[in-house]
């Protein structure tokens, strides 16, 4: 891949330091070789120079909560779609995500090990993947596709090779299902600790799984050399159960109360807020056939969701950017940063949440998340200065350059 020298722009390194001008970023094969003042770099003459034309150089963004195998669609369309077609759709979703400047993702259910291998082997382009395989859920809870007709209708097919069902009840069933997910290649365990917006037979405030069941999930992950657990947790009691059990990150966190926030601070628990998810449900409801129950629940929770985020941010909870992409279109991920800023986060902190903190949440802080020599060369260039207009990131045309592992994946400069 050789050397690439990025110059003539602003550098925001992801550590929270002031933006730098007069800096260059040098990529050597798949790693970052140098970040610093241009006069301090001794050019060898074999560098491919990329003029970023006054844009901003940043670490590749990380979305800590996506579903790469789906985009929500009407029931009739899903019923009329052959099983294998979803893999071809996913190739497009992965490309759209990467071209939006997202170079790494944590998949929160639905993507199997073959998709990750296809990306790593270069058969398809896409962000780096951390997989949960499928989410653990109780009978009748969020993730159970049972409908009042007595039929099951899941967002994604289940029980095909490489994708175990996640339904389990009781400590020993939960233990076995966790082991099945690990056997299938899970690098993080996903559990539904509460009800949700999109499920028809529960509510976001309903608590799922006992504290003992949640502790068993954490225990089984720990046995596998520190595999973490992420919890879909929207209601306060479910959030607190998850934190007390030792779960690593709370996804959504809609109904956070003061006790939950204090517990998260004490335990170093991450919040992955996904503010975009209920917004997108309301925006896209008619077009994609969202159920009336999901629309009603989104209207009910959207302001509470924003208020909980603001309270958690002001208290100092660690926040990693995540979107729930798949509920909305892949490639629209960076709208999340504008929503975080609308809820009180500074633009710089929104960038840090999407780079450094997200890398820490995924356990990849040693190789990703900041522009530092020796780290993997996940580097993007955006038009203008996102600190002055964070909303500009939502326009994919403003994502001018995407480099992943030192390879140029998108080049508009």
Protein backbone atom coordinates (compact mmCIF):
# COMPACT_ATOMS: atom_id res chain seq x y z
CA UNK A 1 0.00 0.00 0.00
CA UNK A 2 2.99 2.30 0.41
CA UNK A 3 3.13 5.70 2.03
CA UNK A 4 0.50 8.44 1.90
CA UNK A 5 0.99 11.96 3.20
CA UNK A 6 -2.10 14.01 4.03
CA UNK A 7 -1.45 17.76 4.17
CA UNK A 8 -3.01 21.24 3.92
CA UNK A 9 -5.83 20.70 6.38
CA UNK A 10 -6.94 20.73 10.01
CA UNK A 11 -6.06 17.73 12.17
CA UNK A 12 -8.38 16.63 14.99
CA UNK A 13 -6.72 13.63 16.59
CA UNK A 14 -9.60 12.30 18.71
CA UNK A 15 -7.89 12.96 22.05
CA UNK A 16 -9.75 16.21 22.66
CA UNK A 17 -6.79 18.49 22.02
CA UNK A 18 -7.21 21.66 20.00
CA UNK A 19 -7.40 21.27 16.21
CA UNK A 20 -4.01 21.61 14.59
CA UNK A 21 -3.09 23.41 11.39
CA UNK A 22 0.23 22.93 9.63
CA UNK A 23 0.20 19.25 10.62
CA UNK A 24 0.57 16.25 8.36
CA UNK A 25 -0.62 12.69 8.81
CA UNK A 26 1.53 10.01 7.23
CA UNK A 27 0.21 6.52 6.54
CA UNK A 28 2.73 3.72 6.11
CA UNK A 29 1.09 0.59 4.74
CA UNK A 30 -1.73 -0.29 7.19
CA UNK A 31 -0.59 1.90 10.09
CA UNK A 32 -0.17 5.55 10.94
CA UNK A 33 3.51 6.44 10.73
CA UNK A 34 3.55 10.09 11.79
CA UNK A 35 1.24 12.82 13.07
CA UNK A 36 2.75 16.23 13.71
CA UNK A 37 4.02 19.54 12.31
CA UNK A 38 4.96 19.29 8.66
CA UNK A 39 8.42 20.73 9.33
CA UNK A 40 9.14 17.87 11.74
CA UNK A 41 8.57 15.18 9.14
CA UNK A 42 11.52 14.12 7.03
CA UNK A 43 10.01 13.18 3.68
CA UNK A 44 11.61 10.25 1.91
CA UNK A 45 10.23 11.28 -1.47
CA UNK A 46 8.25 8.11 -2.02
CA UNK A 47 5.06 9.36 -0.36
CA UNK A 48 1.84 9.75 -2.35
CA UNK A 49 0.74 13.26 -1.36
CA UNK A 50 -2.96 13.84 -0.75
CA UNK A 51 -3.93 17.51 -0.55
CA UNK A 52 -6.94 17.66 1.77
CA UNK A 53 -7.75 21.15 0.49
CA UNK A 54 -8.50 22.77 3.84
CA UNK A 55 -10.62 19.91 5.09
CA UNK A 56 -10.33 18.18 8.45
CA UNK A 57 -8.41 14.95 9.06
CA UNK A 58 -9.98 12.71 11.72
CA UNK A 59 -9.79 9.15 13.00
CA UNK A 60 -12.29 6.86 11.30
CA UNK A 61 -15.63 7.01 13.07
CA UNK A 62 -16.93 4.05 15.08
CA UNK A 63 -20.63 3.18 15.38
CA UNK A 64 -21.09 1.09 18.52
CA UNK A 65 -24.60 -0.15 17.71
CA UNK A 66 -25.67 -1.26 14.22
CA UNK A 67 -27.52 -4.11 12.51
CA UNK A 68 -25.68 -4.67 9.24
CA UNK A 69 -27.96 -7.41 7.91
CA UNK A 70 -31.14 -5.35 7.82
CA UNK A 71 -32.91 -2.14 6.97
CA UNK A 72 -36.45 -2.00 8.28
CA UNK A 73 -38.97 -2.74 5.52
CA UNK A 74 -42.70 -3.50 5.22
CA UNK A 75 -43.85 -6.94 6.36
CA UNK A 76 -45.13 -7.91 2.91
CA UNK A 77 -41.76 -7.07 1.39
CA UNK A 78 -39.92 -9.18 3.95
CA UNK A 79 -42.23 -12.13 3.34
CA UNK A 80 -41.61 -11.88 -0.40
CA UNK A 81 -37.80 -11.72 -0.12
CA UNK A 82 -35.74 -14.93 -0.60
CA UNK A 83 -33.48 -15.82 2.33
CA UNK A 84 -30.11 -15.37 0.60
CA UNK A 85 -31.02 -11.96 -0.84
CA UNK A 86 -30.28 -10.36 2.53
CA UNK A 87 -26.56 -11.05 2.08
CA UNK A 88 -26.46 -9.10 -1.18
CA UNK A 89 -28.35 -6.26 0.48
CA UNK A 90 -25.89 -6.33 3.37
CA UNK A 91 -22.98 -5.81 0.97
CA UNK A 92 -24.58 -2.51 -0.05
CA UNK A 93 -25.27 -1.56 3.58
CA UNK A 94 -21.65 -2.23 4.50
CA UNK A 95 -20.36 -0.11 1.62
CA UNK A 96 -22.72 2.76 2.46
CA UNK A 97 -21.59 2.67 6.08
CA UNK A 98 -17.90 2.76 5.17
CA UNK A 99 -18.39 5.56 2.66
CA UNK A 100 -20.13 7.59 5.38
CA UNK A 101 -16.84 7.61 7.30
CA UNK A 102 -17.66 4.74 9.67
CA UNK A 103 -14.63 2.46 9.56
CA UNK A 104 -15.61 0.20 12.49
CA UNK A 105 -18.91 -1.03 13.90
CA UNK A 106 -20.23 -3.21 16.70
CA UNK A 107 -23.07 -5.29 15.30
CA UNK A 108 -25.88 -5.62 17.84
CA UNK A 109 -27.47 -8.74 16.33
CA UNK A 110 -28.12 -10.42 13.02
CA UNK A 111 -24.70 -10.56 11.35
CA UNK A 112 -22.92 -13.90 11.24
CA UNK A 113 -19.29 -14.86 11.04
CA UNK A 114 -19.35 -15.33 7.26
CA UNK A 115 -20.10 -11.65 6.67
CA UNK A 116 -17.16 -10.63 8.85
CA UNK A 117 -14.90 -13.05 6.96
CA UNK A 118 -16.08 -11.68 3.61
CA UNK A 119 -15.07 -8.16 4.70
CA UNK A 120 -11.74 -9.26 6.17
CA UNK A 121 -10.87 -11.32 3.10
CA UNK A 122 -11.75 -8.44 0.75
CA UNK A 123 -14.67 -10.10 -1.02
CA UNK A 124 -16.83 -7.11 -0.09
CA UNK A 125 -16.00 -3.67 1.28
CA UNK A 126 -17.19 -2.56 4.66
CA UNK A 127 -16.22 -1.40 8.12
CA UNK A 128 -14.34 -3.53 10.62
CA UNK A 129 -16.91 -5.67 12.48
CA UNK A 130 -17.31 -6.74 16.09
CA UNK A 131 -20.10 -9.33 16.24
CA UNK A 132 -22.73 -10.26 18.83
CA UNK A 133 -24.33 -12.86 16.47
CA UNK A 134 -27.82 -12.76 18.05
CA UNK A 135 -29.36 -11.19 21.15
CA UNK A 136 -30.57 -13.11 24.17
CA UNK A 137 -34.23 -12.44 24.93
CA UNK A 138 -36.96 -13.87 27.15
CA UNK A 139 -40.08 -15.57 25.84
CA UNK A 140 -42.51 -12.76 25.09
CA UNK A 141 -39.86 -10.08 25.34
CA UNK A 142 -38.08 -7.69 23.01
CA UNK A 143 -36.72 -9.88 20.24
CA UNK A 144 -39.49 -12.48 20.40
CA UNK A 145 -41.28 -12.27 17.06
CA UNK A 146 -44.55 -13.68 18.41
CA UNK A 147 -47.60 -11.76 17.18
CA UNK A 148 -51.20 -11.77 18.46
CA UNK A 149 -52.14 -13.98 15.51
CA UNK A 150 -50.03 -16.71 17.09
CA UNK A 151 -47.48 -16.54 14.26
CA UNK A 152 -43.87 -15.47 14.63
CA UNK A 153 -42.52 -12.67 12.47
CA UNK A 154 -38.94 -11.75 13.25
CA UNK A 155 -37.03 -8.84 11.75
CA UNK A 156 -34.38 -11.31 10.61
CA UNK A 157 -34.46 -15.07 9.98
CA UNK A 158 -33.37 -17.21 12.91
CA UNK A 159 -32.12 -20.74 13.45
CA UNK A 160 -30.11 -20.96 10.25
CA UNK A 161 -26.50 -22.20 10.39
CA UNK A 162 -24.37 -19.72 12.28
CA UNK A 163 -27.34 -17.85 13.77
CA UNK A 164 -28.72 -19.54 16.93
CA UNK A 165 -32.06 -18.41 18.31
CA UNK A 166 -31.64 -16.08 21.27
CA UNK A 167 -34.75 -17.03 23.24
CA UNK A 168 -34.01 -18.39 26.70
CA UNK A 169 -35.57 -18.44 30.17
CA UNK A 170 -33.97 -19.35 33.48
CA UNK A 171 -30.37 -19.41 34.60
CA UNK A 172 -29.32 -22.64 32.91
CA UNK A 173 -31.00 -21.87 29.57
CA UNK A 174 -29.38 -18.45 29.63
CA UNK A 175 -25.99 -20.00 30.32
CA UNK A 176 -26.38 -22.42 27.41
CA UNK A 177 -27.54 -19.73 24.98
CA UNK A 178 -24.61 -17.52 25.90
CA UNK A 179 -22.30 -20.42 25.15
CA UNK A 180 -24.06 -20.99 21.81
CA UNK A 181 -23.47 -17.36 20.81
CA UNK A 182 -19.81 -17.63 21.79
CA UNK A 183 -19.52 -20.87 19.81
CA UNK A 184 -21.01 -19.13 16.77
CA UNK A 185 -18.34 -16.42 16.94
CA UNK A 186 -19.74 -13.72 19.23
CA UNK A 187 -17.08 -11.18 20.22
CA UNK A 188 -19.54 -9.35 22.47
CA UNK A 189 -22.72 -10.75 24.02
CA UNK A 190 -25.97 -8.86 23.42
CA UNK A 191 -28.88 -9.19 25.84
CA UNK A 192 -32.30 -7.57 25.91
CA UNK A 193 -32.62 -6.44 29.54
CA UNK A 194 -35.88 -4.55 28.92
CA UNK A 195 -38.68 -4.25 26.43
CA UNK A 196 -38.37 -1.99 23.42
CA UNK A 197 -39.96 0.36 20.94
CA UNK A 198 -40.19 -2.05 18.00
CA UNK A 199 -41.48 -5.12 19.86
CA UNK A 200 -45.26 -5.58 19.79
CA UNK A 201 -45.82 -7.41 23.09
CA UNK A 202 -43.86 -5.33 25.61
CA UNK A 203 -42.92 -1.77 26.58
CA UNK A 204 -39.52 -0.07 26.97
CA UNK A 205 -39.97 0.10 30.75
CA UNK A 206 -40.69 -3.63 31.14
CA UNK A 207 -37.82 -5.49 32.82
CA UNK A 208 -36.49 -8.69 31.24
CA UNK A 209 -34.20 -11.30 32.81
CA UNK A 210 -33.48 -11.51 36.52
CA UNK A 211 -30.32 -10.18 38.09
CA UNK A 212 -29.12 -13.79 38.48
CA UNK A 213 -29.65 -14.48 34.77
CA UNK A 214 -27.77 -11.35 33.79
CA UNK A 215 -24.88 -12.23 36.09
CA UNK A 216 -24.57 -15.63 34.41
CA UNK A 217 -24.25 -13.97 30.99
CA UNK A 218 -21.46 -11.73 32.30
CA UNK A 219 -19.80 -14.72 33.96
CA UNK A 220 -19.79 -16.79 30.76
CA UNK A 221 -18.29 -13.90 28.82
CA UNK A 222 -15.60 -13.47 31.45
CA UNK A 223 -14.63 -17.14 31.09
CA UNK A 224 -13.84 -16.41 27.41
CA UNK A 225 -11.01 -14.02 28.25
CA UNK A 226 -13.06 -10.93 28.83
CA UNK A 227 -15.86 -11.01 26.26
CA UNK A 228 -18.05 -8.04 27.27
CA UNK A 229 -21.83 -7.82 27.43
CA UNK A 230 -23.95 -5.07 25.86
CA UNK A 231 -27.52 -4.64 27.09
CA UNK A 232 -30.50 -3.24 25.26
CA UNK A 233 -31.84 -1.47 28.34
CA UNK A 234 -34.43 1.29 28.22
CA UNK A 235 -36.38 1.20 31.51
CA UNK A 236 -34.67 2.32 34.73
CA UNK A 237 -35.00 -0.97 36.65
CA UNK A 238 -33.67 -3.01 33.75
CA UNK A 239 -30.76 -0.60 33.35
CA UNK A 240 -29.89 -0.89 37.04
CA UNK A 241 -30.11 -4.68 36.95
CA UNK A 242 -27.73 -4.71 33.97
CA UNK A 243 -25.20 -2.41 35.65
CA UNK A 244 -25.32 -4.36 38.93
CA UNK A 245 -24.68 -7.56 36.97
CA UNK A 246 -21.47 -6.11 35.55
CA UNK A 247 -22.69 -5.44 32.01
CA UNK A 248 -20.25 -3.31 30.02
CA UNK A 249 -22.55 -0.97 28.07
CA UNK A 250 -26.15 0.21 28.22
CA UNK A 251 -27.77 0.58 24.81
CA UNK A 252 -30.43 3.30 24.43
CA UNK A 253 -30.85 4.18 28.15
CA UNK A 254 -34.14 5.98 27.59
CA UNK A 255 -35.44 6.11 31.18
CA UNK A 256 -32.26 6.76 33.15
CA UNK A 257 -32.83 7.94 36.70
CA UNK A 258 -30.35 9.40 39.19
CA UNK A 259 -29.64 6.02 40.80
CA UNK A 260 -28.93 4.40 37.43
CA UNK A 261 -26.54 7.18 36.48
CA UNK A 262 -24.74 6.90 39.81
CA UNK A 263 -24.37 3.14 39.34
CA UNK A 264 -23.00 3.65 35.83
CA UNK A 265 -20.44 6.13 37.15
CA UNK A 266 -19.39 3.78 39.97
CA UNK A 267 -18.97 0.84 37.59
CA UNK A 268 -17.50 2.65 34.58
CA UNK A 269 -20.44 1.54 32.45
CA UNK A 270 -20.72 2.98 28.95
CA UNK A 271 -23.88 4.54 27.52
CA UNK A 272 -24.57 4.02 23.81
CA UNK A 273 -27.55 6.35 23.39
CA UNK A 274 -28.82 5.80 19.79
CA UNK A 275 -30.78 9.07 19.79
CA UNK A 276 -31.39 8.63 16.07
CA UNK A 277 -33.44 5.45 16.47
CA UNK A 278 -36.81 6.85 17.69
CA UNK A 279 -36.36 9.92 15.47
CA UNK A 280 -36.00 7.65 12.43
CA UNK A 281 -38.99 5.52 13.45
CA UNK A 282 -41.21 8.61 13.35
CA UNK A 283 -39.68 9.93 10.13
CA UNK A 284 -39.89 6.66 8.21
CA UNK A 285 -43.00 5.08 9.71
CA UNK A 286 -45.31 5.40 6.72
CA UNK A 287 -42.65 4.57 4.12
CA UNK A 288 -41.32 1.38 5.71
CA UNK A 289 -44.48 0.11 7.39
CA UNK A 290 -43.54 0.65 11.02
CA UNK A 291 -46.21 -0.86 13.29
CA UNK A 292 -48.55 1.58 15.02
CA UNK A 293 -47.25 0.37 18.39
CA UNK A 294 -43.69 1.42 17.49
CA UNK A 295 -44.84 4.85 16.35
CA UNK A 296 -46.83 5.38 19.55
CA UNK A 297 -43.93 4.29 21.76
CA UNK A 298 -41.46 6.48 19.84
CA UNK A 299 -43.67 9.51 20.38
CA UNK A 300 -43.90 8.61 24.05
CA UNK A 301 -40.16 8.22 24.67
CA UNK A 302 -38.38 10.63 22.36
CA UNK A 303 -38.18 13.62 24.73
CA UNK A 304 -37.41 11.41 27.72
CA UNK A 305 -34.60 9.80 25.71
CA UNK A 306 -33.05 13.18 25.01
CA UNK A 307 -33.40 14.27 28.65
CA UNK A 308 -31.75 11.07 29.91
CA UNK A 309 -28.83 11.58 27.54
CA UNK A 310 -28.37 15.16 28.74
CA UNK A 311 -28.43 14.12 32.38
CA UNK A 312 -25.94 11.29 31.81
CA UNK A 313 -23.59 13.54 29.82
CA UNK A 314 -23.66 16.28 32.43
CA UNK A 315 -22.94 13.70 35.16
CA UNK A 316 -19.86 12.42 33.31
CA UNK A 317 -21.08 9.00 32.15
CA UNK A 318 -18.85 7.56 29.40
CA UNK A 319 -20.74 7.93 26.11
CA UNK A 320 -19.92 5.99 22.94
CA UNK A 321 -21.68 6.90 19.72
CA UNK A 322 -24.17 4.38 18.37
CA UNK A 323 -27.16 4.70 16.08
CA UNK A 324 -29.17 1.45 15.76
CA UNK A 325 -28.58 1.71 12.00
CA UNK A 326 -30.77 -0.87 10.34
CA UNK A 327 -33.78 0.66 12.04
CA UNK A 328 -32.94 3.51 9.67
CA UNK A 329 -30.84 3.52 6.49
CA UNK A 330 -27.19 2.58 6.73
CA UNK A 331 -24.95 5.46 5.77
CA UNK A 332 -27.03 8.02 7.66
CA UNK A 333 -25.15 7.25 10.89
CA UNK A 334 -23.48 10.61 11.41
CA UNK A 335 -26.80 12.35 12.00
CA UNK A 336 -26.32 11.02 15.53
CA UNK A 337 -23.61 13.59 16.26
CA UNK A 338 -25.93 16.48 15.55
CA UNK A 339 -28.58 14.98 17.82
CA UNK A 340 -26.03 14.58 20.62
CA UNK A 341 -25.05 18.23 20.23
CA UNK A 342 -28.72 19.23 20.23
CA UNK A 343 -29.01 17.44 23.58
CA UNK A 344 -26.18 19.46 25.13
CA UNK A 345 -22.94 17.73 24.14
CA UNK A 346 -20.15 19.92 22.77
CA UNK A 347 -19.12 19.26 19.15
CA UNK A 348 -15.64 18.15 20.31
CA UNK A 349 -17.13 15.70 22.79
CA UNK A 350 -19.40 14.34 20.05
CA UNK A 351 -16.31 13.65 17.94
CA UNK A 352 -14.56 11.99 20.89
CA UNK A 353 -17.64 9.84 21.58
CA UNK A 354 -17.51 8.70 17.95
CA UNK A 355 -13.78 7.90 17.94
CA UNK A 356 -11.73 7.53 21.13
CA UNK A 357 -14.54 6.57 23.55
CA UNK A 358 -16.19 4.26 21.04
CA UNK A 359 -12.86 2.48 20.51
CA UNK A 360 -12.54 2.07 24.28
CA UNK A 361 -16.08 0.70 24.48
CA UNK A 362 -15.22 -1.95 21.88
CA UNK A 363 -11.90 -2.76 23.58
CA UNK A 364 -9.97 -1.54 20.54
CA UNK A 365 -8.36 1.55 22.07
CA UNK A 366 -4.86 0.13 21.55
CA UNK A 367 -5.25 0.18 17.77
CA UNK A 368 -8.08 2.59 16.86
CA UNK A 369 -9.90 5.75 17.88
CA UNK A 370 -7.15 8.37 17.69
CA UNK A 371 -4.60 9.60 15.19
CA UNK A 372 -1.34 8.34 16.71
CA UNK A 373 1.75 6.75 15.24
CA UNK A 374 1.55 2.97 15.47
CA UNK A 375 -2.23 2.72 15.36
CA UNK A 376 -4.12 1.25 12.44
CA UNK A 377 -4.58 3.73 9.61
CA UNK A 378 -8.31 4.34 9.83
CA UNK A 379 -8.38 7.95 8.71
CA UNK A 380 -11.05 10.15 7.16
CA UNK A 381 -11.11 13.63 5.68
CA UNK A 382 -14.23 15.77 5.86
CA UNK A 383 -15.00 19.02 4.11
CA UNK A 384 -14.66 22.08 6.35
CA UNK A 385 -14.37 22.04 10.13
CA UNK A 386 -16.97 19.83 11.88
CA UNK A 387 -16.49 21.77 15.11
CA UNK A 388 -18.04 24.74 13.36
CA UNK A 389 -20.82 22.73 11.70
CA UNK A 390 -21.32 19.29 13.23
CA UNK A 391 -24.43 18.78 11.09
CA UNK A 392 -22.32 18.84 7.91
CA UNK A 393 -21.15 15.31 8.72
CA UNK A 394 -24.62 13.97 7.95
CA UNK A 395 -24.08 14.81 4.27
CA UNK A 396 -22.02 11.96 2.83
CA UNK A 397 -20.72 14.21 0.06
CA UNK A 398 -18.79 16.02 2.79
CA UNK A 399 -16.92 12.81 3.63
CA UNK A 400 -14.10 13.38 1.16
CA UNK A 401 -11.66 10.57 1.94
CA UNK A 402 -12.01 7.26 3.77
CA UNK A 403 -8.96 5.14 4.55
CA UNK A 404 -9.33 1.83 6.39
CA UNK A 405 -6.29 -0.23 7.35
CA UNK A 406 -4.23 2.04 5.12
CA UNK A 407 -6.35 1.31 2.04
CA UNK A 408 -8.21 4.16 0.34
CA UNK A 409 -11.89 3.16 0.20
CA UNK A 410 -13.37 6.49 -0.93
CA UNK A 411 -11.61 9.43 -2.58
CA UNK A 412 -13.45 12.62 -3.60
CA UNK A 413 -10.54 15.03 -3.23
